[in-house]
Amino acid sequence: MRLDKYLKVSRIIKRRTVANEACDAAHVTVNGRPAKASYDVKEGDILEVTFGQRTLRVRVLDVREYTAKADAASLYEVLG
């Protein structure tokens, strides 16, 4: 699945266009490298998303096309 779509489906970022813009501005890294929106997300990848001064680090646990809002947090694990 594309990185921008994964960020939207997992509800880390609310809209796919915003996720796409964050990737273009190099605010998203995968396994320590800046990633484009077209990057193919796999289980086990470490994503870092920068929101201003705050950075969110997560490990991808599952990749699904669709998920309910209540189950979205089960797609990733937040790392400290």
PDB file of N, CA and C in Angstrom:
ATOM      1  N   MET A   1       0.842  -1.173   0.000  1.00  0.00           N
ATOM      2  CA  MET A   1       0.000   0.000   0.000  1.00  0.00           C
ATOM      3  C   MET A   1       0.892   1.244   0.000  1.00  0.00           C
ATOM      4  N   ARG A   2       0.451   2.261  -0.698  1.00  0.00           N
ATOM      5  CA  ARG A   2       1.193   3.530  -0.745  1.00  0.00           C
ATOM      6  C   ARG A   2       1.271   4.163   0.641  1.00  0.00           C
ATOM      7  N   LEU A   3       2.357   4.854   0.896  1.00  0.00           N
ATOM      8  CA  LEU A   3       2.577   5.497   2.192  1.00  0.00           C
ATOM      9  C   LEU A   3       1.486   6.507   2.516  1.00  0.00           C
ATOM     10  N   ASP A   4       1.120   7.367   1.561  1.00  0.00           N
ATOM     11  CA  ASP A   4       0.100   8.383   1.843  1.00  0.00           C
ATOM     12  C   ASP A   4      -1.242   7.735   2.189  1.00  0.00           C
ATOM     13  N   LYS A   5      -1.582   6.648   1.508  1.00  0.00           N
ATOM     14  CA  LYS A   5      -2.845   5.959   1.807  1.00  0.00           C
ATOM     15  C   LYS A   5      -2.782   5.282   3.172  1.00  0.00           C
ATOM     16  N   TYR A   6      -1.634   4.695   3.517  1.00  0.00           N
ATOM     17  CA  TYR A   6      -1.492   4.052   4.825  1.00  0.00           C
ATOM     18  C   TYR A   6      -1.667   5.070   5.951  1.00  0.00           C
ATOM     19  N   LEU A   7      -1.061   6.250   5.797  1.00  0.00           N
ATOM     20  CA  LEU A   7      -1.184   7.288   6.827  1.00  0.00           C
ATOM     21  C   LEU A   7      -2.636   7.698   7.022  1.00  0.00           C
ATOM     22  N   LYS A   8      -3.416   7.705   5.936  1.00  0.00           N
ATOM     23  CA  LYS A   8      -4.831   8.051   6.028  1.00  0.00           C
ATOM     24  C   LYS A   8      -5.647   6.908   6.645  1.00  0.00           C
ATOM     25  N   VAL A   9      -5.459   5.679   6.149  1.00  0.00           N
ATOM     26  CA  VAL A   9      -6.225   4.526   6.639  1.00  0.00           C
ATOM     27  C   VAL A   9      -5.960   4.291   8.124  1.00  0.00           C
ATOM     28  N   SER A  10      -4.715   4.466   8.562  1.00  0.00           N
ATOM     29  CA  SER A  10      -4.373   4.261   9.970  1.00  0.00           C
ATOM     30  C   SER A  10      -4.750   5.462  10.826  1.00  0.00           C
ATOM     31  N   ARG A  11      -5.214   6.528  10.180  1.00  0.00           N
ATOM     32  CA  ARG A  11      -5.655   7.764  10.827  1.00  0.00           C
ATOM     33  C   ARG A  11      -4.544   8.474  11.590  1.00  0.00           C
ATOM     34  N   ILE A  12      -3.303   8.311  11.129  1.00  0.00           N
ATOM     35  CA  ILE A  12      -2.189   9.095  11.668  1.00  0.00           C
ATOM     36  C   ILE A  12      -2.310  10.513  11.132  1.00  0.00           C
ATOM     37  N   ILE A  13      -2.705  10.620   9.855  1.00  0.00           N
ATOM     38  CA  ILE A  13      -3.004  11.913   9.224  1.00  0.00           C
ATOM     39  C   ILE A  13      -4.424  11.806   8.673  1.00  0.00           C
ATOM     40  N   LYS A  14      -5.221  12.857   8.861  1.00  0.00           N
ATOM     41  CA  LYS A  14      -6.650  12.775   8.537  1.00  0.00           C
ATOM     42  C   LYS A  14      -6.968  12.642   7.055  1.00  0.00           C
ATOM     43  N   ARG A  15      -6.244  13.353   6.199  1.00  0.00           N
ATOM     44  CA  ARG A  15      -6.570  13.352   4.770  1.00  0.00           C
ATOM     45  C   ARG A  15      -5.387  12.891   3.939  1.00  0.00           C
ATOM     46  N   ARG A  16      -5.686  12.204   2.849  1.00  0.00           N
ATOM     47  CA  ARG A  16      -4.625  11.685   1.990  1.00  0.00           C
ATOM     48  C   ARG A  16      -3.838  12.810   1.325  1.00  0.00           C
ATOM     49  N   THR A  17      -4.501  13.894   0.956  1.00  0.00           N
ATOM     50  CA  THR A  17      -3.782  15.010   0.332  1.00  0.00           C
ATOM     51  C   THR A  17      -2.803  15.642   1.310  1.00  0.00           C
ATOM     52  N   VAL A  18      -3.184  15.726   2.578  1.00  0.00           N
ATOM     53  CA  VAL A  18      -2.286  16.262   3.595  1.00  0.00           C
ATOM     54  C   VAL A  18      -1.105  15.310   3.799  1.00  0.00           C
ATOM     55  N   ALA A  19      -1.368  14.003   3.785  1.00  0.00           N
ATOM     56  CA  ALA A  19      -0.307  13.006   3.897  1.00  0.00           C
ATOM     57  C   ALA A  19       0.654  13.116   2.716  1.00  0.00           C
ATOM     58  N   ASN A  20       0.095  13.323   1.529  1.00  0.00           N
ATOM     59  CA  ASN A  20       0.911  13.478   0.329  1.00  0.00           C
ATOM     60  C   ASN A  20       1.813  14.708   0.431  1.00  0.00           C
ATOM     61  N   GLU A  21       1.260  15.820   0.909  1.00  0.00           N
ATOM     62  CA  GLU A  21       2.035  17.052   1.072  1.00  0.00           C
ATOM     63  C   GLU A  21       3.118  16.884   2.131  1.00  0.00           C
ATOM     64  N   ALA A  22       2.821  16.153   3.211  1.00  0.00           N
ATOM     65  CA  ALA A  22       3.817  15.908   4.256  1.00  0.00           C
ATOM     66  C   ALA A  22       4.985  15.091   3.709  1.00  0.00           C
ATOM     67  N   CYS A  23       4.700  14.126   2.851  1.00  0.00           N
ATOM     68  CA  CYS A  23       5.757  13.326   2.226  1.00  0.00           C
ATOM     69  C   CYS A  23       6.599  14.196   1.295  1.00  0.00           C
ATOM     70  N   ASP A  24       5.945  15.044   0.503  1.00  0.00           N
ATOM     71  CA  ASP A  24       6.667  15.928  -0.423  1.00  0.00           C
ATOM     72  C   ASP A  24       7.573  16.907   0.317  1.00  0.00           C
ATOM     73  N   ALA A  25       7.163  17.329   1.523  1.00  0.00           N
ATOM     74  CA  ALA A  25       7.942  18.297   2.312  1.00  0.00           C
ATOM     75  C   ALA A  25       8.972  17.599   3.199  1.00  0.00           C
ATOM     76  N   ALA A  26       9.154  16.294   3.031  1.00  0.00           N
ATOM     77  CA  ALA A  26      10.128  15.486   3.782  1.00  0.00           C
ATOM     78  C   ALA A  26       9.835  15.475   5.286  1.00  0.00           C
ATOM     79  N   HIS A  27       8.556  15.513   5.661  1.00  0.00           N
ATOM     80  CA  HIS A  27       8.178  15.412   7.066  1.00  0.00           C
ATOM     81  C   HIS A  27       7.946  13.961   7.480  1.00  0.00           C
ATOM     82  N   VAL A  28       8.049  13.032   6.517  1.00  0.00           N
ATOM     83  CA  VAL A  28       7.829  11.618   6.796  1.00  0.00           C
ATOM     84  C   VAL A  28       9.072  10.831   6.398  1.00  0.00           C
ATOM     85  N   THR A  29       9.580  10.016   7.341  1.00  0.00           N
ATOM     86  CA  THR A  29      10.706   9.142   7.027  1.00  0.00           C
ATOM     87  C   THR A  29      10.296   7.703   7.288  1.00  0.00           C
ATOM     88  N   VAL A  30      10.867   6.796   6.506  1.00  0.00           N
ATOM     89  CA  VAL A  30      10.630   5.372   6.689  1.00  0.00           C
ATOM     90  C   VAL A  30      11.990   4.720   6.893  1.00  0.00           C
ATOM     91  N   ASN A  31      12.150   4.047   8.023  1.00  0.00           N
ATOM     92  CA  ASN A  31      13.414   3.398   8.375  1.00  0.00           C
ATOM     93  C   ASN A  31      14.589   4.370   8.298  1.00  0.00           C
ATOM     94  N   GLY A  32      14.354   5.626   8.723  1.00  0.00           N
ATOM     95  CA  GLY A  32      15.416   6.613   8.784  1.00  0.00           C
ATOM     96  C   GLY A  32      15.698   7.381   7.509  1.00  0.00           C
ATOM     97  N   ARG A  33      14.957   7.107   6.442  1.00  0.00           N
ATOM     98  CA  ARG A  33      15.163   7.801   5.161  1.00  0.00           C
ATOM     99  C   ARG A  33      13.902   8.551   4.754  1.00  0.00           C
ATOM    100  N   PRO A  34      14.056   9.758   4.211  1.00  0.00           N
ATOM    101  CA  PRO A  34      12.868  10.465   3.700  1.00  0.00           C
ATOM    102  C   PRO A  34      12.173   9.613   2.634  1.00  0.00           C
ATOM    103  N   ALA A  35      10.855   9.564   2.690  1.00  0.00           N
ATOM    104  CA  ALA A  35      10.107   8.704   1.774  1.00  0.00           C
ATOM    105  C   ALA A  35       9.109   9.509   0.962  1.00  0.00           C
ATOM    106  N   LYS A  36       8.919   9.077  -0.271  1.00  0.00           N
ATOM    107  CA  LYS A  36       7.901   9.687  -1.124  1.00  0.00           C
ATOM    108  C   LYS A  36       6.555   9.048  -0.824  1.00  0.00           C
ATOM    109  N   ALA A  37       5.492   9.716  -1.248  1.00  0.00           N
ATOM    110  CA  ALA A  37       4.131   9.230  -1.009  1.00  0.00           C
ATOM    111  C   ALA A  37       3.888   7.881  -1.678  1.00  0.00           C
ATOM    112  N   SER A  38       4.640   7.560  -2.716  1.00  0.00           N
ATOM    113  CA  SER A  38       4.436   6.319  -3.453  1.00  0.00           C
ATOM    114  C   SER A  38       5.184   5.136  -2.841  1.00  0.00           C
ATOM    115  N   TYR A  39       5.918   5.351  -1.750  1.00  0.00           N
ATOM    116  CA  TYR A  39       6.655   4.263  -1.095  1.00  0.00           C
ATOM    117  C   TYR A  39       5.688   3.145  -0.707  1.00  0.00           C
ATOM    118  N   ASP A  40       6.096   1.886  -0.910  1.00  0.00           N
ATOM    119  CA  ASP A  40       5.256   0.728  -0.607  1.00  0.00           C
ATOM    120  C   ASP A  40       5.482   0.303   0.846  1.00  0.00           C
ATOM    121  N   VAL A  41       4.506   0.574   1.712  1.00  0.00           N
ATOM    122  CA  VAL A  41       4.614   0.274   3.142  1.00  0.00           C
ATOM    123  C   VAL A  41       4.501  -1.227   3.360  1.00  0.00           C
ATOM    124  N   LYS A  42       5.397  -1.754   4.224  1.00  0.00           N
ATOM    125  CA  LYS A  42       5.391  -3.173   4.576  1.00  0.00           C
ATOM    126  C   LYS A  42       5.346  -3.313   6.092  1.00  0.00           C
ATOM    127  N   GLU A  43       4.902  -4.465   6.576  1.00  0.00           N
ATOM    128  CA  GLU A  43       4.892  -4.720   8.014  1.00  0.00           C
ATOM    129  C   GLU A  43       6.324  -4.673   8.535  1.00  0.00           C
ATOM    130  N   GLY A  44       6.500  -4.050   9.708  1.00  0.00           N
ATOM    131  CA  GLY A  44       7.824  -3.951  10.302  1.00  0.00           C
ATOM    132  C   GLY A  44       8.528  -2.636  10.012  1.00  0.00           C
ATOM    133  N   ASP A  45       8.030  -1.850   9.062  1.00  0.00           N
ATOM    134  CA  ASP A  45       8.627  -0.541   8.765  1.00  0.00           C
ATOM    135  C   ASP A  45       8.465   0.390   9.955  1.00  0.00           C
ATOM    136  N   ILE A  46       9.472   1.250  10.177  1.00  0.00           N
ATOM    137  CA  ILE A  46       9.405   2.273  11.221  1.00  0.00           C
ATOM    138  C   ILE A  46       9.135   3.609  10.535  1.00  0.00           C
ATOM    139  N   LEU A  47       7.999   4.222  10.859  1.00  0.00           N
ATOM    140  CA  LEU A  47       7.629   5.508  10.271  1.00  0.00           C
ATOM    141  C   LEU A  47       7.853   6.611  11.289  1.00  0.00           C
ATOM    142  N   GLU A  48       8.393   7.740  10.846  1.00  0.00           N
ATOM    143  CA  GLU A  48       8.517   8.927  11.682  1.00  0.00           C
ATOM    144  C   GLU A  48       7.818  10.066  10.971  1.00  0.00           C
ATOM    145  N   VAL A  49       6.824  10.651  11.630  1.00  0.00           N
ATOM    146  CA  VAL A  49       6.056  11.752  11.065  1.00  0.00           C
ATOM    147  C   VAL A  49       6.277  12.971  11.950  1.00  0.00           C
ATOM    148  N   THR A  50       6.725  14.075  11.355  1.00  0.00           N
ATOM    149  CA  THR A  50       7.001  15.288  12.106  1.00  0.00           C
ATOM    150  C   THR A  50       5.843  16.260  11.956  1.00  0.00           C
ATOM    151  N   PHE A  51       5.261  16.641  13.100  1.00  0.00           N
ATOM    152  CA  PHE A  51       4.188  17.635  13.157  1.00  0.00           C
ATOM    153  C   PHE A  51       4.758  18.844  13.890  1.00  0.00           C
ATOM    154  N   GLY A  52       5.295  19.816  13.188  1.00  0.00           N
ATOM    155  CA  GLY A  52       5.895  20.984  13.840  1.00  0.00           C
ATOM    156  C   GLY A  52       7.087  20.573  14.678  1.00  0.00           C
ATOM    157  N   GLN A  53       7.017  20.781  15.987  1.00  0.00           N
ATOM    158  CA  GLN A  53       8.108  20.418  16.897  1.00  0.00           C
ATOM    159  C   GLN A  53       8.011  18.970  17.387  1.00  0.00           C
ATOM    160  N   ARG A  54       6.867  18.334  17.173  1.00  0.00           N
ATOM    161  CA  ARG A  54       6.622  16.987  17.695  1.00  0.00           C
ATOM    162  C   ARG A  54       6.870  15.929  16.627  1.00  0.00           C
ATOM    163  N   THR A  55       7.468  14.811  17.020  1.00  0.00           N
ATOM    164  CA  THR A  55       7.689  13.705  16.090  1.00  0.00           C
ATOM    165  C   THR A  55       7.008  12.459  16.628  1.00  0.00           C
ATOM    166  N   LEU A  56       6.280  11.781  15.746  1.00  0.00           N
ATOM    167  CA  LEU A  56       5.589  10.546  16.108  1.00  0.00           C
ATOM    168  C   LEU A  56       6.315   9.389  15.430  1.00  0.00           C
ATOM    169  N   ARG A  57       6.788   8.421  16.237  1.00  0.00           N
ATOM    170  CA  ARG A  57       7.462   7.231  15.706  1.00  0.00           C
ATOM    171  C   ARG A  57       6.549   6.038  15.893  1.00  0.00           C
ATOM    172  N   VAL A  58       6.278   5.311  14.813  1.00  0.00           N
ATOM    173  CA  VAL A  58       5.426   4.124  14.893  1.00  0.00           C
ATOM    174  C   VAL A  58       6.030   2.977  14.101  1.00  0.00           C
ATOM    175  N   ARG A  59       5.702   1.752  14.522  1.00  0.00           N
ATOM    176  CA  ARG A  59       6.083   0.545  13.782  1.00  0.00           C
ATOM    177  C   ARG A  59       4.823  -0.006  13.137  1.00  0.00           C
ATOM    178  N   VAL A  60       4.891  -0.306  11.857  1.00  0.00           N
ATOM    179  CA  VAL A  60       3.741  -0.846  11.115  1.00  0.00           C
ATOM    180  C   VAL A  60       3.531  -2.299  11.530  1.00  0.00           C
ATOM    181  N   LEU A  61       2.341  -2.608  12.048  1.00  0.00           N
ATOM    182  CA  LEU A  61       2.012  -3.974  12.452  1.00  0.00           C
ATOM    183  C   LEU A  61       1.176  -4.695  11.412  1.00  0.00           C
ATOM    184  N   ASP A  62       0.344  -3.946  10.696  1.00  0.00           N
ATOM    185  CA  ASP A  62      -0.562  -4.553   9.724  1.00  0.00           C
ATOM    186  C   ASP A  62      -0.864  -3.544   8.630  1.00  0.00           C
ATOM    187  N   VAL A  63      -1.083  -4.046   7.417  1.00  0.00           N
ATOM    188  CA  VAL A  63      -1.434  -3.183   6.285  1.00  0.00           C
ATOM    189  C   VAL A  63      -2.770  -3.673   5.749  1.00  0.00           C
ATOM    190  N   ARG A  64      -3.814  -2.834   5.875  1.00  0.00           N
ATOM    191  CA  ARG A  64      -5.150  -3.175   5.372  1.00  0.00           C
ATOM    192  C   ARG A  64      -5.681  -2.037   4.518  1.00  0.00           C
ATOM    193  N   GLU A  65      -6.463  -2.382   3.509  1.00  0.00           N
ATOM    194  CA  GLU A  65      -7.045  -1.376   2.622  1.00  0.00           C
ATOM    195  C   GLU A  65      -8.051  -0.497   3.353  1.00  0.00           C
ATOM    196  N   TYR A  66      -8.861  -1.102   4.220  1.00  0.00           N
ATOM    197  CA  TYR A  66      -9.894  -0.379   4.958  1.00  0.00           C
ATOM    198  C   TYR A  66      -9.876  -0.846   6.397  1.00  0.00           C
ATOM    199  N   THR A  67     -10.247   0.036   7.301  1.00  0.00           N
ATOM    200  CA  THR A  67     -10.383  -0.349   8.705  1.00  0.00           C
ATOM    201  C   THR A  67     -11.376   0.584   9.386  1.00  0.00           C
ATOM    202  N   ALA A  68     -12.035   0.068  10.400  1.00  0.00           N
ATOM    203  CA  ALA A  68     -12.967   0.890  11.170  1.00  0.00           C
ATOM    204  C   ALA A  68     -12.168   1.857  12.040  1.00  0.00           C
ATOM    205  N   LYS A  69     -12.779   2.964  12.382  1.00  0.00           N
ATOM    206  CA  LYS A  69     -12.101   3.975  13.186  1.00  0.00           C
ATOM    207  C   LYS A  69     -11.592   3.392  14.504  1.00  0.00           C
ATOM    208  N   ALA A  70     -12.384   2.535  15.125  1.00  0.00           N
ATOM    209  CA  ALA A  70     -12.005   1.938  16.406  1.00  0.00           C
ATOM    210  C   ALA A  70     -10.800   1.004  16.281  1.00  0.00           C
ATOM    211  N   ASP A  71     -10.614   0.408  15.096  1.00  0.00           N
ATOM    212  CA  ASP A  71      -9.518  -0.547  14.887  1.00  0.00           C
ATOM    213  C   ASP A  71      -8.279   0.086  14.275  1.00  0.00           C
ATOM    214  N   ALA A  72      -8.318   1.372  13.954  1.00  0.00           N
ATOM    215  CA  ALA A  72      -7.208   2.017  13.249  1.00  0.00           C
ATOM    216  C   ALA A  72      -5.909   1.963  14.042  1.00  0.00           C
ATOM    217  N   ALA A  73      -5.982   2.114  15.348  1.00  0.00           N
ATOM    218  CA  ALA A  73      -4.770   2.113  16.179  1.00  0.00           C
ATOM    219  C   ALA A  73      -4.097   0.741  16.220  1.00  0.00           C
ATOM    220  N   SER A  74      -4.807  -0.319  15.854  1.00  0.00           N
ATOM    221  CA  SER A  74      -4.210  -1.654  15.851  1.00  0.00           C
ATOM    222  C   SER A  74      -3.293  -1.891  14.650  1.00  0.00           C
ATOM    223  N   LEU A  75      -3.279  -0.953  13.695  1.00  0.00           N
ATOM    224  CA  LEU A  75      -2.429  -1.088  12.516  1.00  0.00           C
ATOM    225  C   LEU A  75      -0.985  -0.723  12.801  1.00  0.00           C
ATOM    226  N   TYR A  76      -0.741  -0.025  13.918  1.00  0.00           N
ATOM    227  CA  TYR A  76       0.622   0.399  14.244  1.00  0.00           C
ATOM    228  C   TYR A  76       0.849   0.400  15.746  1.00  0.00           C
ATOM    229  N   GLU A  77       2.142   0.426  16.121  1.00  0.00           N
ATOM    230  CA  GLU A  77       2.542   0.480  17.523  1.00  0.00           C
ATOM    231  C   GLU A  77       3.363   1.739  17.706  1.00  0.00           C
ATOM    232  N   VAL A  78       2.984   2.565  18.670  1.00  0.00           N
ATOM    233  CA  VAL A  78       3.712   3.800  18.933  1.00  0.00           C
ATOM    234  C   VAL A  78       4.993   3.470  19.687  1.00  0.00           C
ATOM    235  N   LEU A  79       6.105   3.994  19.188  1.00  0.00           N
ATOM    236  CA  LEU A  79       7.412   3.779  19.821  1.00  0.00           C
ATOM    237  C   LEU A  79       7.811   5.010  20.603  1.00  0.00           C
ATOM    238  N   GLY A  80       8.483   4.824  21.721  1.00  0.00           N
ATOM    239  CA  GLY A  80       8.872   5.948  22.576  1.00  0.00           C
ATOM    240  C   GLY A  80      10.027   6.662  22.105  1.00  0.00           C
TER     241      GLY A  80
END
